[in-house]
Structures are given as C-alpha cells and as structure tokens.
Amino acid sequence: MQHNITCTETEAKPSGAPVESLLAPRLVPLPRSFYEPSARRVAPRLLGHLLIRRTTGGLIGGIIVETEAYLEDDPACHAYRGPTNRNRAMFGPPGRAYVYFIYGNHWCFNAVCRGSGVGEAVLVRALEPVFGLEAMNDNRAVSRRRDLTNGPAKLCEAMAIDRTHDHCDLCNPSSPVFIAENPHHRSVIRRLGPKATTTRIGISQAADLTLRFYFDGSEFVSRRARQTRS
C-alpha cells in the first residue's frame, strides 16, 4: 500500500472514535538522548514503549514487544559498508526513523541510534496494537488480532508506514511517526515480561549474535527461539 505523503504531513485515515485528544497529553516522545547509546543498549530499552502514527483520523499504534539491534561493525547492518542513498538516515542524527523496502513488497521501520556519522539502528519487529484498531484493520485485514502486527512488515502495513517516513524525527510529537514514553511502562513489563534475548531472524551474516529482544509473555512476538532471559 503506497501513501503519497511527506514526513511533515498527515494521512486522512479514519480510525473510528477519535482518541488523539485523550492520548496526546500523555504521549511524550522519548528524548533524543535515549537514542544516543549503542543500538545494543537501546533495543531492549525500547520494549514496552509506544510506536505512534499520527493521522488526521487520530493516533494509531501500540506497545513495542520485539526489537533487533544492528551495529556499526555488524555485517548484517545496512550501514556496514558506509552511507548510500538507501541507508543515509542511519548515519544520524539519533532519534530519526530509518524505513527501508525489502523483498520488493514490504517496509520495515527502524529507530536510528548513536551520534551523527555512526550507522546503527533498532529494527522494531512487533507491536501489541493498542489504539486505532479499526484503521489498522482497514490497512491490513486479518482474522486473528495477533496477526495484525506480529512482524516488522506486518506492523508497517497495519500502520501505513512507508518510505515517506524515512528520516522522520521520532522525538517530535507532531511527526507523522514517533516513539512515545509509555506512562504505564512498569506495569507493561510486569504483564508481558520477562524480557528474552535471542539471535536475530532472517539473516545469514552475524547470525550468532544475540541482538534480538522481546517480551516472553506477549502473543505478538513474531517467533520464539532458544533464549537467555533477562
């Protein structure tokens, strides 16, 4: 699904009863300093916070329940061989979106980490959908709720995230896409924990690195594996 919008515009997409007026006062973006450490540190810390899409019909999004870290010296990282037109967002500043196209059909959303000039990012692999469910189901019709956002391409389709959101400022509450601090973060950790650490999925290089993190109690995790819990 293609959407002809820019990073500073919003998309007219109905989401049932508007929820933005109720949620906006509580949805404070994570600060840029949150993304300044290595993606290895940021990836597990993103679990439990909220990935948000702003639309003219309201906010849609949910709780981040699965992430993967991609590092500067990591052969599986898109930035490993240096900047290109495709991966330029990865080189900063931190707290920006890196959105890329795979398999000729799917988008994936990442949060850029480290300082400008260093290419690292966290791939958001799965969400627990919380609000804007009608709009997300319009974007991605599924019979089971757990299949709506239990994978990186699935969540991008459900939330209508595409190339127009590449470089978006995740620390700006007016951005079409941002990551907000969850005011109920501790209770989410208690409900969905413990956090699990595993190897990453669907890669051939550096496949032995334990850089995937997820909530073991979430039904929206894309895939479970032998793991180390933390």
Protein backbone atom coordinates (compact mmCIF):
# COMPACT_ATOMS: atom_id res chain seq x y z
CA MET A 1 0.00 0.00 0.00
CA GLN A 2 1.56 3.30 -1.09
CA HIS A 3 0.76 6.65 0.55
CA ASN A 4 1.77 9.90 -1.10
CA ILE A 5 2.58 11.95 1.98
CA THR A 6 5.73 13.59 3.25
CA CYS A 7 7.32 13.33 6.63
CA THR A 8 5.68 16.57 7.76
CA GLU A 9 2.18 15.74 6.54
CA THR A 10 -0.57 13.54 7.97
CA GLU A 11 -2.72 10.98 6.27
CA ALA A 12 -6.50 11.19 6.18
CA LYS A 13 -7.41 7.78 7.54
CA PRO A 14 -10.48 7.19 9.71
CA SER A 15 -9.86 5.36 12.96
CA GLY A 16 -13.31 5.16 14.49
CA ALA A 17 -13.84 7.28 17.57
CA PRO A 18 -11.01 9.87 17.80
CA VAL A 19 -8.55 9.03 20.55
CA GLU A 20 -5.91 11.67 19.94
CA SER A 21 -7.48 14.18 22.35
CA LEU A 22 -7.38 11.58 25.12
CA LEU A 23 -3.91 10.22 24.47
CA ALA A 24 -1.91 13.23 23.31
CA PRO A 25 -1.39 14.79 26.78
CA ARG A 26 0.16 11.53 27.95
CA LEU A 27 2.18 10.75 24.83
CA VAL A 28 5.56 12.40 25.34
CA PRO A 29 8.23 11.32 22.82
CA LEU A 30 11.34 9.66 24.20
CA PRO A 31 14.15 12.26 24.27
CA ARG A 32 16.95 12.26 21.74
CA SER A 33 19.38 11.28 24.48
CA PHE A 34 17.53 7.94 24.73
CA TYR A 35 18.89 7.02 21.27
CA GLU A 36 22.48 8.23 21.75
CA PRO A 37 23.86 4.93 23.17
CA SER A 38 24.57 1.91 21.01
CA ALA A 39 21.62 0.12 19.42
CA ARG A 40 22.66 -2.87 21.56
CA ARG A 41 21.57 -0.89 24.64
CA VAL A 42 18.62 0.92 23.09
CA ALA A 43 16.91 -2.16 21.62
CA PRO A 44 15.91 -3.82 24.93
CA ARG A 45 15.07 -0.45 26.45
CA LEU A 46 12.52 0.27 23.69
CA LEU A 47 10.41 -2.70 24.77
CA GLY A 48 7.22 -1.50 26.41
CA HIS A 49 7.23 1.98 24.86
CA LEU A 50 4.78 3.14 22.17
CA LEU A 51 5.23 3.38 18.40
CA ILE A 52 2.76 6.03 17.20
CA ARG A 53 1.40 7.03 13.78
CA ARG A 54 -0.34 10.38 13.68
CA THR A 55 -3.22 10.63 11.19
CA THR A 56 -6.00 13.14 10.66
CA GLY A 57 -8.39 10.47 11.93
CA GLY A 58 -6.49 10.04 15.19
CA LEU A 59 -3.48 8.19 16.53
CA ILE A 60 -2.79 4.55 15.74
CA GLY A 61 -0.13 2.33 17.21
CA GLY A 62 0.82 0.15 20.11
CA ILE A 63 3.35 -1.28 22.53
CA ILE A 64 6.74 -2.34 21.18
CA VAL A 65 7.20 -6.00 22.15
CA GLU A 66 10.11 -7.14 19.94
CA THR A 67 13.26 -5.43 18.62
CA GLU A 68 16.58 -6.23 16.97
CA ALA A 69 19.82 -4.22 17.19
CA TYR A 70 22.07 -3.58 14.17
CA LEU A 71 25.54 -2.26 14.97
CA GLU A 72 28.27 -0.25 13.27
CA ASP A 73 30.68 -3.21 12.96
CA ASP A 74 27.92 -5.73 12.24
CA PRO A 75 27.99 -7.36 8.75
CA ALA A 76 24.20 -7.74 8.89
CA CYS A 77 23.74 -3.99 9.38
CA HIS A 78 22.74 -1.94 6.33
CA ALA A 79 25.32 0.70 7.30
CA TYR A 80 28.23 -1.75 7.44
CA ARG A 81 29.71 -0.68 4.09
CA GLY A 82 29.10 3.03 4.56
CA PRO A 83 26.46 5.58 3.54
CA THR A 84 24.26 5.12 0.48
CA ASN A 85 21.09 6.82 -0.70
CA ARG A 86 19.11 3.96 0.83
CA ASN A 87 20.67 3.95 4.29
CA ARG A 88 21.54 7.63 4.74
CA ALA A 89 19.12 8.06 7.63
CA MET A 90 21.12 5.51 9.64
CA PHE A 91 24.02 7.93 9.93
CA GLY A 92 22.15 10.33 12.12
CA PRO A 93 21.23 12.29 13.94
CA PRO A 94 19.93 9.81 16.52
CA GLY A 95 16.20 9.60 17.13
CA ARG A 96 15.29 9.52 13.44
CA ALA A 97 13.36 6.88 11.52
CA TYR A 98 15.08 4.61 9.02
CA VAL A 99 12.47 2.94 6.78
CA TYR A 100 13.55 0.51 4.07
CA PHE A 101 11.95 -1.72 1.44
CA ILE A 102 12.57 -5.48 1.31
CA TYR A 103 11.59 -8.39 -0.93
CA GLY A 104 10.05 -5.95 -3.39
CA ASN A 105 6.89 -5.71 -1.32
CA HIS A 106 7.43 -4.82 2.34
CA TRP A 107 8.56 -1.90 4.52
CA CYS A 108 10.49 -2.14 7.78
CA PHE A 109 10.77 0.54 10.48
CA ASN A 110 13.93 1.30 12.49
CA ALA A 111 14.96 3.82 15.14
CA VAL A 112 18.41 5.34 14.48
CA CYS A 113 20.94 5.30 17.34
CA ARG A 114 24.42 6.71 18.13
CA GLY A 115 25.78 10.08 17.08
CA SER A 116 25.76 11.53 13.58
CA GLY A 117 28.15 9.70 11.27
CA VAL A 118 27.77 6.32 13.03
CA GLY A 119 25.38 3.87 11.37
CA GLU A 120 23.35 1.95 13.94
CA ALA A 121 19.62 1.32 14.33
CA VAL A 122 16.99 -0.76 16.08
CA LEU A 123 14.51 -2.69 13.96
CA VAL A 124 11.04 -2.75 15.53
CA ARG A 125 9.85 -6.29 14.84
CA ALA A 126 6.46 -6.48 16.57
CA LEU A 127 3.80 -4.47 18.40
CA GLU A 128 0.85 -5.15 20.62
CA PRO A 129 -1.82 -2.98 18.94
CA VAL A 130 -3.50 -0.67 21.45
CA PHE A 131 -5.44 2.06 19.65
CA GLY A 132 -6.66 2.82 16.16
CA LEU A 133 -7.50 -0.85 15.67
CA GLU A 134 -10.21 -0.11 13.10
CA ALA A 135 -7.79 1.87 10.95
CA MET A 136 -5.10 -0.79 11.27
CA ASN A 137 -7.57 -3.50 10.26
CA ASP A 138 -8.57 -1.39 7.26
CA ASN A 139 -4.91 -1.26 6.25
CA ARG A 140 -4.25 -4.94 6.95
CA ALA A 141 -7.27 -7.23 7.15
CA VAL A 142 -6.61 -10.31 9.31
CA SER A 143 -8.84 -12.85 11.01
CA ARG A 144 -6.73 -13.07 14.18
CA ARG A 145 -5.73 -9.95 16.13
CA ARG A 146 -2.28 -11.38 16.88
CA ASP A 147 -1.50 -11.49 13.14
CA LEU A 148 -2.06 -7.75 12.74
CA THR A 149 1.36 -6.57 13.93
CA ASN A 150 3.45 -9.66 14.83
CA GLY A 151 6.25 -8.96 12.35
CA PRO A 152 8.18 -5.95 11.00
CA ALA A 153 6.46 -5.83 7.60
CA LYS A 154 3.06 -6.56 9.15
CA LEU A 155 3.23 -3.65 11.58
CA CYS A 156 4.33 -1.27 8.83
CA GLU A 157 1.41 -2.35 6.66
CA ALA A 158 -1.07 -2.03 9.55
CA MET A 159 0.26 1.41 10.47
CA ALA A 160 0.74 2.61 6.86
CA ILE A 161 4.45 3.27 7.39
CA ASP A 162 6.45 3.54 4.16
CA ARG A 163 9.36 5.38 2.52
CA THR A 164 7.75 8.77 3.11
CA HIS A 165 8.50 8.27 6.82
CA ASP A 166 12.24 7.71 6.30
CA HIS A 167 14.19 10.39 8.24
CA CYS A 168 11.14 11.36 10.36
CA ASP A 169 12.02 12.85 13.74
CA LEU A 170 10.93 10.31 16.37
CA CYS A 171 11.42 12.89 19.13
CA ASN A 172 8.90 15.37 17.70
CA PRO A 173 5.30 14.85 18.93
CA SER A 174 4.00 16.48 15.72
CA SER A 175 5.81 14.00 13.48
CA PRO A 176 3.71 11.52 11.45
CA VAL A 177 5.57 8.75 13.29
CA PHE A 178 7.26 8.93 16.69
CA ILE A 179 8.06 6.79 19.72
CA ALA A 180 6.43 7.85 22.97
CA GLU A 181 7.29 7.03 26.54
CA ASN A 182 4.70 4.65 27.92
CA PRO A 183 3.24 6.13 31.12
CA HIS A 184 2.40 2.54 32.15
CA HIS A 185 5.83 1.14 31.29
CA ARG A 186 6.40 -0.66 34.60
CA SER A 187 3.03 -2.36 34.58
CA VAL A 188 3.58 -3.45 30.94
CA ILE A 189 6.88 -5.05 31.92
CA ARG A 190 5.15 -6.91 34.76
CA ARG A 191 2.34 -8.05 32.46
CA LEU A 192 4.41 -9.10 29.44
CA GLY A 193 7.81 -9.94 30.93
CA PRO A 194 10.31 -11.31 31.37
CA LYS A 195 12.45 -9.89 28.59
CA ALA A 196 14.12 -12.52 26.41
CA THR A 197 17.36 -12.24 24.44
CA THR A 198 17.96 -14.36 21.31
CA THR A 199 19.73 -14.40 17.98
CA ARG A 200 18.23 -12.35 15.15
CA ILE A 201 15.86 -13.70 12.49
CA GLY A 202 16.17 -13.98 8.71
CA ILE A 203 19.84 -13.07 8.30
CA SER A 204 22.86 -15.09 7.16
CA GLN A 205 25.71 -12.87 8.38
CA ALA A 206 26.45 -12.44 12.10
CA ALA A 207 23.51 -14.75 12.76
CA ASP A 208 25.04 -15.93 16.04
CA LEU A 209 24.87 -12.51 17.75
CA THR A 210 22.25 -12.30 20.50
CA LEU A 211 20.76 -8.97 19.46
CA ARG A 212 17.02 -9.74 19.38
CA PHE A 213 14.92 -8.80 22.40
CA TYR A 214 11.27 -9.46 23.20
CA PHE A 215 8.66 -9.80 25.90
CA ASP A 216 8.27 -13.51 26.53
CA GLY A 217 4.69 -13.02 27.69
CA SER A 218 3.46 -11.27 24.56
CA GLU A 219 1.38 -13.16 21.99
CA PHE A 220 2.52 -10.67 19.32
CA VAL A 221 6.17 -11.80 19.22
CA SER A 222 6.98 -12.87 15.66
CA ARG A 223 8.91 -16.01 16.59
CA ARG A 224 10.28 -17.62 19.71
CA ALA A 225 13.63 -19.40 19.93
CA ARG A 226 16.06 -20.83 22.41
CA GLN A 227 16.81 -17.86 24.59
CA THR A 228 18.52 -16.22 27.51
CA ARG A 229 16.08 -14.41 29.76
CA SER A 230 16.93 -11.13 31.48
